[in-house]
Amino acid sequence: MIVISPAEFRANQKKFFEIAEKETVIVARKNEKPMIIKPWEDDDIPTREELMAIQEGLNDIKEGRVTFINPANVWEHIE
């Protein structure tokens, strides 16, 4: 991981994009959240099916279709 300033990034964008192919590059900004530069991966954004499954799970929770598991005895709920 490498941490750089916005000025360093502006002056050497090509260099830092090349570095980001191999390791994480963080641009530390004054009084702002830092930015991470990394290559795009195909699995960075959930698929439509994944989003639908997440929404279904949230709806199940909202409607009370959940199973509470006692952490002291997890195996009693596994069939």
PDB file of N, CA and C in Angstrom:
ATOM      1  N   MET A   1       0.847  -1.170   0.000  1.00  0.00           N
ATOM      2  CA  MET A   1       0.000   0.000   0.000  1.00  0.00           C
ATOM      3  C   MET A   1       0.893   1.233   0.000  1.00  0.00           C
ATOM      4  N   ILE A   2       0.445   2.221  -0.776  1.00  0.00           N
ATOM      5  CA  ILE A   2       1.183   3.477  -0.847  1.00  0.00           C
ATOM      6  C   ILE A   2       0.196   4.623  -0.615  1.00  0.00           C
ATOM      7  N   VAL A   3       0.596   5.594   0.181  1.00  0.00           N
ATOM      8  CA  VAL A   3      -0.242   6.757   0.477  1.00  0.00           C
ATOM      9  C   VAL A   3       0.434   7.984  -0.119  1.00  0.00           C
ATOM     10  N   ILE A   4      -0.337   8.735  -0.909  1.00  0.00           N
ATOM     11  CA  ILE A   4       0.210   9.910  -1.578  1.00  0.00           C
ATOM     12  C   ILE A   4      -0.710  11.110  -1.361  1.00  0.00           C
ATOM     13  N   SER A   5      -0.203  12.282  -1.696  1.00  0.00           N
ATOM     14  CA  SER A   5      -1.003  13.507  -1.598  1.00  0.00           C
ATOM     15  C   SER A   5      -1.696  13.760  -2.940  1.00  0.00           C
ATOM     16  N   PRO A   6      -2.727  14.589  -2.948  1.00  0.00           N
ATOM     17  CA  PRO A   6      -3.367  14.943  -4.221  1.00  0.00           C
ATOM     18  C   PRO A   6      -2.386  15.581  -5.207  1.00  0.00           C
ATOM     19  N   ALA A   7      -1.461  16.387  -4.710  1.00  0.00           N
ATOM     20  CA  ALA A   7      -0.477  17.024  -5.594  1.00  0.00           C
ATOM     21  C   ALA A   7       0.412  15.977  -6.261  1.00  0.00           C
ATOM     22  N   GLU A   8       0.852  14.969  -5.485  1.00  0.00           N
ATOM     23  CA  GLU A   8       1.666  13.890  -6.056  1.00  0.00           C
ATOM     24  C   GLU A   8       0.884  13.146  -7.127  1.00  0.00           C
ATOM     25  N   PHE A   9      -0.402  12.890  -6.849  1.00  0.00           N
ATOM     26  CA  PHE A   9      -1.228  12.174  -7.820  1.00  0.00           C
ATOM     27  C   PHE A   9      -1.384  12.982  -9.106  1.00  0.00           C
ATOM     28  N   ARG A  10      -1.694  14.269  -8.969  1.00  0.00           N
ATOM     29  CA  ARG A  10      -1.874  15.120 -10.158  1.00  0.00           C
ATOM     30  C   ARG A  10      -0.596  15.166 -11.000  1.00  0.00           C
ATOM     31  N   ALA A  11       0.550  15.226 -10.346  1.00  0.00           N
ATOM     32  CA  ALA A  11       1.823  15.345 -11.058  1.00  0.00           C
ATOM     33  C   ALA A  11       2.257  14.047 -11.731  1.00  0.00           C
ATOM     34  N   ASN A  12       1.773  12.902 -11.219  1.00  0.00           N
ATOM     35  CA  ASN A  12       2.258  11.603 -11.716  1.00  0.00           C
ATOM     36  C   ASN A  12       1.131  10.588 -11.875  1.00  0.00           C
ATOM     37  N   GLN A  13       0.025  10.994 -12.487  1.00  0.00           N
ATOM     38  CA  GLN A  13      -1.126  10.097 -12.596  1.00  0.00           C
ATOM     39  C   GLN A  13      -0.774   8.772 -13.252  1.00  0.00           C
ATOM     40  N   LYS A  14      -0.085   8.804 -14.384  1.00  0.00           N
ATOM     41  CA  LYS A  14       0.251   7.568 -15.097  1.00  0.00           C
ATOM     42  C   LYS A  14       1.033   6.614 -14.189  1.00  0.00           C
ATOM     43  N   LYS A  15       2.015   7.141 -13.492  1.00  0.00           N
ATOM     44  CA  LYS A  15       2.840   6.336 -12.586  1.00  0.00           C
ATOM     45  C   LYS A  15       1.974   5.661 -11.521  1.00  0.00           C
ATOM     46  N   PHE A  16       1.063   6.429 -10.899  1.00  0.00           N
ATOM     47  CA  PHE A  16       0.265   5.866  -9.811  1.00  0.00           C
ATOM     48  C   PHE A  16      -0.811   4.905 -10.314  1.00  0.00           C
ATOM     49  N   PHE A  17      -1.310   5.130 -11.537  1.00  0.00           N
ATOM     50  CA  PHE A  17      -2.236   4.155 -12.121  1.00  0.00           C
ATOM     51  C   PHE A  17      -1.519   2.827 -12.350  1.00  0.00           C
ATOM     52  N   GLU A  18      -0.281   2.885 -12.799  1.00  0.00           N
ATOM     53  CA  GLU A  18       0.502   1.661 -13.005  1.00  0.00           C
ATOM     54  C   GLU A  18       0.780   0.960 -11.675  1.00  0.00           C
ATOM     55  N   ILE A  19       1.108   1.719 -10.650  1.00  0.00           N
ATOM     56  CA  ILE A  19       1.339   1.136  -9.323  1.00  0.00           C
ATOM     57  C   ILE A  19       0.058   0.487  -8.806  1.00  0.00           C
ATOM     58  N   ALA A  20      -1.084   1.141  -9.056  1.00  0.00           N
ATOM     59  CA  ALA A  20      -2.372   0.627  -8.564  1.00  0.00           C
ATOM     60  C   ALA A  20      -2.742  -0.718  -9.179  1.00  0.00           C
ATOM     61  N   GLU A  21      -2.135  -1.074 -10.305  1.00  0.00           N
ATOM     62  CA  GLU A  21      -2.360  -2.400 -10.894  1.00  0.00           C
ATOM     63  C   GLU A  21      -1.826  -3.499  -9.976  1.00  0.00           C
ATOM     64  N   LYS A  22      -0.831  -3.167  -9.144  1.00  0.00           N
ATOM     65  CA  LYS A  22      -0.171  -4.172  -8.308  1.00  0.00           C
ATOM     66  C   LYS A  22      -0.427  -4.004  -6.812  1.00  0.00           C
ATOM     67  N   GLU A  23      -0.702  -2.767  -6.372  1.00  0.00           N
ATOM     68  CA  GLU A  23      -0.939  -2.530  -4.952  1.00  0.00           C
ATOM     69  C   GLU A  23      -1.913  -1.369  -4.773  1.00  0.00           C
ATOM     70  N   THR A  24      -2.452  -1.260  -3.587  1.00  0.00           N
ATOM     71  CA  THR A  24      -3.422  -0.213  -3.287  1.00  0.00           C
ATOM     72  C   THR A  24      -2.734   1.145  -3.214  1.00  0.00           C
ATOM     73  N   VAL A  25      -3.340   2.123  -3.884  1.00  0.00           N
ATOM     74  CA  VAL A  25      -2.858   3.503  -3.825  1.00  0.00           C
ATOM     75  C   VAL A  25      -3.940   4.330  -3.141  1.00  0.00           C
ATOM     76  N   ILE A  26      -3.571   5.029  -2.085  1.00  0.00           N
ATOM     77  CA  ILE A  26      -4.507   5.871  -1.345  1.00  0.00           C
ATOM     78  C   ILE A  26      -4.070   7.321  -1.496  1.00  0.00           C
ATOM     79  N   VAL A  27      -5.021   8.155  -1.909  1.00  0.00           N
ATOM     80  CA  VAL A  27      -4.764   9.590  -2.001  1.00  0.00           C
ATOM     81  C   VAL A  27      -5.344  10.219  -0.737  1.00  0.00           C
ATOM     82  N   ALA A  28      -4.465  10.679   0.144  1.00  0.00           N
ATOM     83  CA  ALA A  28      -4.872  11.274   1.419  1.00  0.00           C
ATOM     84  C   ALA A  28      -5.175  12.750   1.188  1.00  0.00           C
ATOM     85  N   ARG A  29      -6.429  13.132   1.464  1.00  0.00           N
ATOM     86  CA  ARG A  29      -6.848  14.516   1.238  1.00  0.00           C
ATOM     87  C   ARG A  29      -7.040  15.229   2.568  1.00  0.00           C
ATOM     88  N   LYS A  30      -6.632  16.471   2.630  1.00  0.00           N
ATOM     89  CA  LYS A  30      -6.749  17.269   3.851  1.00  0.00           C
ATOM     90  C   LYS A  30      -8.223  17.555   4.139  1.00  0.00           C
ATOM     91  N   ASN A  31      -8.664  17.199   5.338  1.00  0.00           N
ATOM     92  CA  ASN A  31     -10.037  17.437   5.798  1.00  0.00           C
ATOM     93  C   ASN A  31     -11.097  16.718   4.969  1.00  0.00           C
ATOM     94  N   GLU A  32     -10.728  15.718   4.219  1.00  0.00           N
ATOM     95  CA  GLU A  32     -11.668  14.928   3.414  1.00  0.00           C
ATOM     96  C   GLU A  32     -11.333  13.451   3.587  1.00  0.00           C
ATOM     97  N   LYS A  33     -12.271  12.603   3.210  1.00  0.00           N
ATOM     98  CA  LYS A  33     -11.998  11.169   3.244  1.00  0.00           C
ATOM     99  C   LYS A  33     -10.959  10.824   2.184  1.00  0.00           C
ATOM    100  N   PRO A  34     -10.059   9.891   2.490  1.00  0.00           N
ATOM    101  CA  PRO A  34      -9.075   9.483   1.483  1.00  0.00           C
ATOM    102  C   PRO A  34      -9.756   8.735   0.341  1.00  0.00           C
ATOM    103  N   MET A  35      -9.126   8.729  -0.807  1.00  0.00           N
ATOM    104  CA  MET A  35      -9.632   8.032  -1.986  1.00  0.00           C
ATOM    105  C   MET A  35      -8.714   6.850  -2.283  1.00  0.00           C
ATOM    106  N   ILE A  36      -9.323   5.738  -2.678  1.00  0.00           N
ATOM    107  CA  ILE A  36      -8.562   4.542  -3.036  1.00  0.00           C
ATOM    108  C   ILE A  36      -8.577   4.400  -4.548  1.00  0.00           C
ATOM    109  N   ILE A  37      -7.413   4.150  -5.119  1.00  0.00           N
ATOM    110  CA  ILE A  37      -7.311   3.910  -6.556  1.00  0.00           C
ATOM    111  C   ILE A  37      -7.010   2.435  -6.744  1.00  0.00           C
ATOM    112  N   LYS A  38      -7.881   1.766  -7.497  1.00  0.00           N
ATOM    113  CA  LYS A  38      -7.675   0.345  -7.761  1.00  0.00           C
ATOM    114  C   LYS A  38      -8.304   0.000  -9.098  1.00  0.00           C
ATOM    115  N   PRO A  39      -7.838  -1.047  -9.742  1.00  0.00           N
ATOM    116  CA  PRO A  39      -8.413  -1.422 -11.030  1.00  0.00           C
ATOM    117  C   PRO A  39      -9.835  -1.960 -10.875  1.00  0.00           C
ATOM    118  N   TRP A  40     -10.628  -1.773 -11.891  1.00  0.00           N
ATOM    119  CA  TRP A  40     -11.994  -2.284 -11.929  1.00  0.00           C
ATOM    120  C   TRP A  40     -11.953  -3.805 -12.010  1.00  0.00           C
ATOM    121  N   GLU A  41     -12.750  -4.453 -11.175  1.00  0.00           N
ATOM    122  CA  GLU A  41     -12.888  -5.905 -11.207  1.00  0.00           C
ATOM    123  C   GLU A  41     -14.326  -6.223 -11.588  1.00  0.00           C
ATOM    124  N   ASP A  42     -14.534  -7.293 -12.312  1.00  0.00           N
ATOM    125  CA  ASP A  42     -15.881  -7.657 -12.756  1.00  0.00           C
ATOM    126  C   ASP A  42     -16.844  -7.871 -11.597  1.00  0.00           C
ATOM    127  N   ASP A  43     -16.334  -8.283 -10.441  1.00  0.00           N
ATOM    128  CA  ASP A  43     -17.227  -8.569  -9.316  1.00  0.00           C
ATOM    129  C   ASP A  43     -17.350  -7.394  -8.338  1.00  0.00           C
ATOM    130  N   ASP A  44     -16.917  -6.196  -8.744  1.00  0.00           N
ATOM    131  CA  ASP A  44     -17.028  -5.029  -7.863  1.00  0.00           C
ATOM    132  C   ASP A  44     -18.471  -4.576  -7.671  1.00  0.00           C
ATOM    133  N   ILE A  45     -19.310  -4.789  -8.673  1.00  0.00           N
ATOM    134  CA  ILE A  45     -20.712  -4.380  -8.593  1.00  0.00           C
ATOM    135  C   ILE A  45     -21.572  -5.639  -8.577  1.00  0.00           C
ATOM    136  N   PRO A  46     -22.502  -5.735  -7.622  1.00  0.00           N
ATOM    137  CA  PRO A  46     -23.351  -6.932  -7.561  1.00  0.00           C
ATOM    138  C   PRO A  46     -24.197  -7.081  -8.825  1.00  0.00           C
ATOM    139  N   THR A  47     -24.438  -8.332  -9.199  1.00  0.00           N
ATOM    140  CA  THR A  47     -25.298  -8.605 -10.349  1.00  0.00           C
ATOM    141  C   THR A  47     -26.750  -8.335  -9.970  1.00  0.00           C
ATOM    142  N   ARG A  48     -27.612  -8.305 -10.956  1.00  0.00           N
ATOM    143  CA  ARG A  48     -29.043  -8.112 -10.711  1.00  0.00           C
ATOM    144  C   ARG A  48     -29.571  -9.212  -9.788  1.00  0.00           C
ATOM    145  N   GLU A  49     -29.138 -10.449 -10.031  1.00  0.00           N
ATOM    146  CA  GLU A  49     -29.583 -11.578  -9.211  1.00  0.00           C
ATOM    147  C   GLU A  49     -29.133 -11.414  -7.762  1.00  0.00           C
ATOM    148  N   GLU A  50     -27.901 -10.968  -7.560  1.00  0.00           N
ATOM    149  CA  GLU A  50     -27.403 -10.751  -6.198  1.00  0.00           C
ATOM    150  C   GLU A  50     -28.196  -9.650  -5.486  1.00  0.00           C
ATOM    151  N   LEU A  51     -28.486  -8.570  -6.204  1.00  0.00           N
ATOM    152  CA  LEU A  51     -29.271  -7.486  -5.608  1.00  0.00           C
ATOM    153  C   LEU A  51     -30.675  -7.956  -5.248  1.00  0.00           C
ATOM    154  N   MET A  52     -31.275  -8.785  -6.107  1.00  0.00           N
ATOM    155  CA  MET A  52     -32.613  -9.310  -5.831  1.00  0.00           C
ATOM    156  C   MET A  52     -32.588 -10.222  -4.605  1.00  0.00           C
ATOM    157  N   ALA A  53     -31.538 -11.041  -4.464  1.00  0.00           N
ATOM    158  CA  ALA A  53     -31.417 -11.929  -3.307  1.00  0.00           C
ATOM    159  C   ALA A  53     -31.242 -11.122  -2.019  1.00  0.00           C
ATOM    160  N   ILE A  54     -30.476 -10.053  -2.090  1.00  0.00           N
ATOM    161  CA  ILE A  54     -30.304  -9.185  -0.921  1.00  0.00           C
ATOM    162  C   ILE A  54     -31.637  -8.559  -0.539  1.00  0.00           C
ATOM    163  N   GLN A  55     -32.373  -8.063  -1.540  1.00  0.00           N
ATOM    164  CA  GLN A  55     -33.668  -7.443  -1.272  1.00  0.00           C
ATOM    165  C   GLN A  55     -34.643  -8.455  -0.676  1.00  0.00           C
ATOM    166  N   GLU A  56     -34.623  -9.675  -1.187  1.00  0.00           N
ATOM    167  CA  GLU A  56     -35.489 -10.731  -0.649  1.00  0.00           C
ATOM    168  C   GLU A  56     -35.151 -11.002   0.820  1.00  0.00           C
ATOM    169  N   GLY A  57     -33.874 -11.046   1.140  1.00  0.00           N
ATOM    170  CA  GLY A  57     -33.458 -11.254   2.526  1.00  0.00           C
ATOM    171  C   GLY A  57     -33.900 -10.117   3.430  1.00  0.00           C
ATOM    172  N   LEU A  58     -33.776  -8.882   2.942  1.00  0.00           N
ATOM    173  CA  LEU A  58     -34.230  -7.732   3.730  1.00  0.00           C
ATOM    174  C   LEU A  58     -35.737  -7.777   3.953  1.00  0.00           C
ATOM    175  N   ASN A  59     -36.480  -8.188   2.920  1.00  0.00           N
ATOM    176  CA  ASN A  59     -37.935  -8.326   3.063  1.00  0.00           C
ATOM    177  C   ASN A  59     -38.281  -9.414   4.076  1.00  0.00           C
ATOM    178  N   ASP A  60     -37.542 -10.527   4.052  1.00  0.00           N
ATOM    179  CA  ASP A  60     -37.770 -11.601   5.026  1.00  0.00           C
ATOM    180  C   ASP A  60     -37.578 -11.084   6.452  1.00  0.00           C
ATOM    181  N   ILE A  61     -36.531 -10.316   6.664  1.00  0.00           N
ATOM    182  CA  ILE A  61     -36.280  -9.755   7.998  1.00  0.00           C
ATOM    183  C   ILE A  61     -37.425  -8.828   8.398  1.00  0.00           C
ATOM    184  N   LYS A  62     -37.821  -7.974   7.475  1.00  0.00           N
ATOM    185  CA  LYS A  62     -38.894  -7.011   7.746  1.00  0.00           C
ATOM    186  C   LYS A  62     -40.203  -7.712   8.106  1.00  0.00           C
ATOM    187  N   GLU A  63     -40.491  -8.837   7.449  1.00  0.00           N
ATOM    188  CA  GLU A  63     -41.732  -9.582   7.666  1.00  0.00           C
ATOM    189  C   GLU A  63     -41.618 -10.594   8.807  1.00  0.00           C
ATOM    190  N   GLY A  64     -40.456 -10.670   9.432  1.00  0.00           N
ATOM    191  CA  GLY A  64     -40.292 -11.570  10.570  1.00  0.00           C
ATOM    192  C   GLY A  64     -40.009 -13.010  10.198  1.00  0.00           C
ATOM    193  N   ARG A  65     -39.678 -13.258   8.942  1.00  0.00           N
ATOM    194  CA  ARG A  65     -39.352 -14.622   8.506  1.00  0.00           C
ATOM    195  C   ARG A  65     -37.867 -14.883   8.775  1.00  0.00           C
ATOM    196  N   VAL A  66     -37.558 -15.030  10.056  1.00  0.00           N
ATOM    197  CA  VAL A  66     -36.181 -15.248  10.489  1.00  0.00           C
ATOM    198  C   VAL A  66     -36.133 -16.382  11.503  1.00  0.00           C
ATOM    199  N   THR A  67     -34.975 -16.952  11.678  1.00  0.00           N
ATOM    200  CA  THR A  67     -34.760 -17.971  12.699  1.00  0.00           C
ATOM    201  C   THR A  67     -33.707 -17.440  13.659  1.00  0.00           C
ATOM    202  N   PHE A  68     -34.058 -17.371  14.921  1.00  0.00           N
ATOM    203  CA  PHE A  68     -33.106 -16.924  15.928  1.00  0.00           C
ATOM    204  C   PHE A  68     -32.296 -18.126  16.395  1.00  0.00           C
ATOM    205  N   ILE A  69     -31.001 -17.968  16.426  1.00  0.00           N
ATOM    206  CA  ILE A  69     -30.099 -19.054  16.794  1.00  0.00           C
ATOM    207  C   ILE A  69     -29.402 -18.692  18.097  1.00  0.00           C
ATOM    208  N   ASN A  70     -29.418 -19.637  19.022  1.00  0.00           N
ATOM    209  CA  ASN A  70     -28.733 -19.463  20.296  1.00  0.00           C
ATOM    210  C   ASN A  70     -27.240 -19.685  20.066  1.00  0.00           C
ATOM    211  N   PRO A  71     -26.408 -18.665  20.230  1.00  0.00           N
ATOM    212  CA  PRO A  71     -24.977 -18.816  19.986  1.00  0.00           C
ATOM    213  C   PRO A  71     -24.324 -19.879  20.863  1.00  0.00           C
ATOM    214  N   ALA A  72     -24.923 -20.161  22.009  1.00  0.00           N
ATOM    215  CA  ALA A  72     -24.356 -21.170  22.901  1.00  0.00           C
ATOM    216  C   ALA A  72     -24.584 -22.579  22.366  1.00  0.00           C
ATOM    217  N   ASN A  73     -25.574 -22.737  21.476  1.00  0.00           N
ATOM    218  CA  ASN A  73     -25.869 -24.060  20.929  1.00  0.00           C
ATOM    219  C   ASN A  73     -26.300 -23.928  19.464  1.00  0.00           C
ATOM    220  N   VAL A  74     -25.380 -23.530  18.629  1.00  0.00           N
ATOM    221  CA  VAL A  74     -25.657 -23.312  17.211  1.00  0.00           C
ATOM    222  C   VAL A  74     -26.145 -24.592  16.535  1.00  0.00           C
ATOM    223  N   TRP A  75     -25.615 -25.730  16.899  1.00  0.00           N
ATOM    224  CA  TRP A  75     -25.891 -26.979  16.197  1.00  0.00           C
ATOM    225  C   TRP A  75     -27.324 -27.465  16.362  1.00  0.00           C
ATOM    226  N   GLU A  76     -28.066 -26.989  17.345  1.00  0.00           N
ATOM    227  CA  GLU A  76     -29.437 -27.451  17.528  1.00  0.00           C
ATOM    228  C   GLU A  76     -30.353 -26.982  16.396  1.00  0.00           C
ATOM    229  N   HIS A  77     -29.950 -25.975  15.637  1.00  0.00           N
ATOM    230  CA  HIS A  77     -30.771 -25.433  14.555  1.00  0.00           C
ATOM    231  C   HIS A  77     -30.352 -25.941  13.183  1.00  0.00           C
ATOM    232  N   ILE A  78     -29.328 -26.738  13.120  1.00  0.00           N
ATOM    233  CA  ILE A  78     -28.839 -27.239  11.840  1.00  0.00           C
ATOM    234  C   ILE A  78     -29.389 -28.635  11.609  1.00  0.00           C
ATOM    235  N   GLU A  79     -30.034 -28.765  10.468  1.00  0.00           N
ATOM    236  CA  GLU A  79     -30.657 -30.067  10.137  1.00  0.00           C
ATOM    237  C   GLU A  79     -29.747 -30.922   9.304  1.00  0.00           C
TER     238      GLU A  79
END
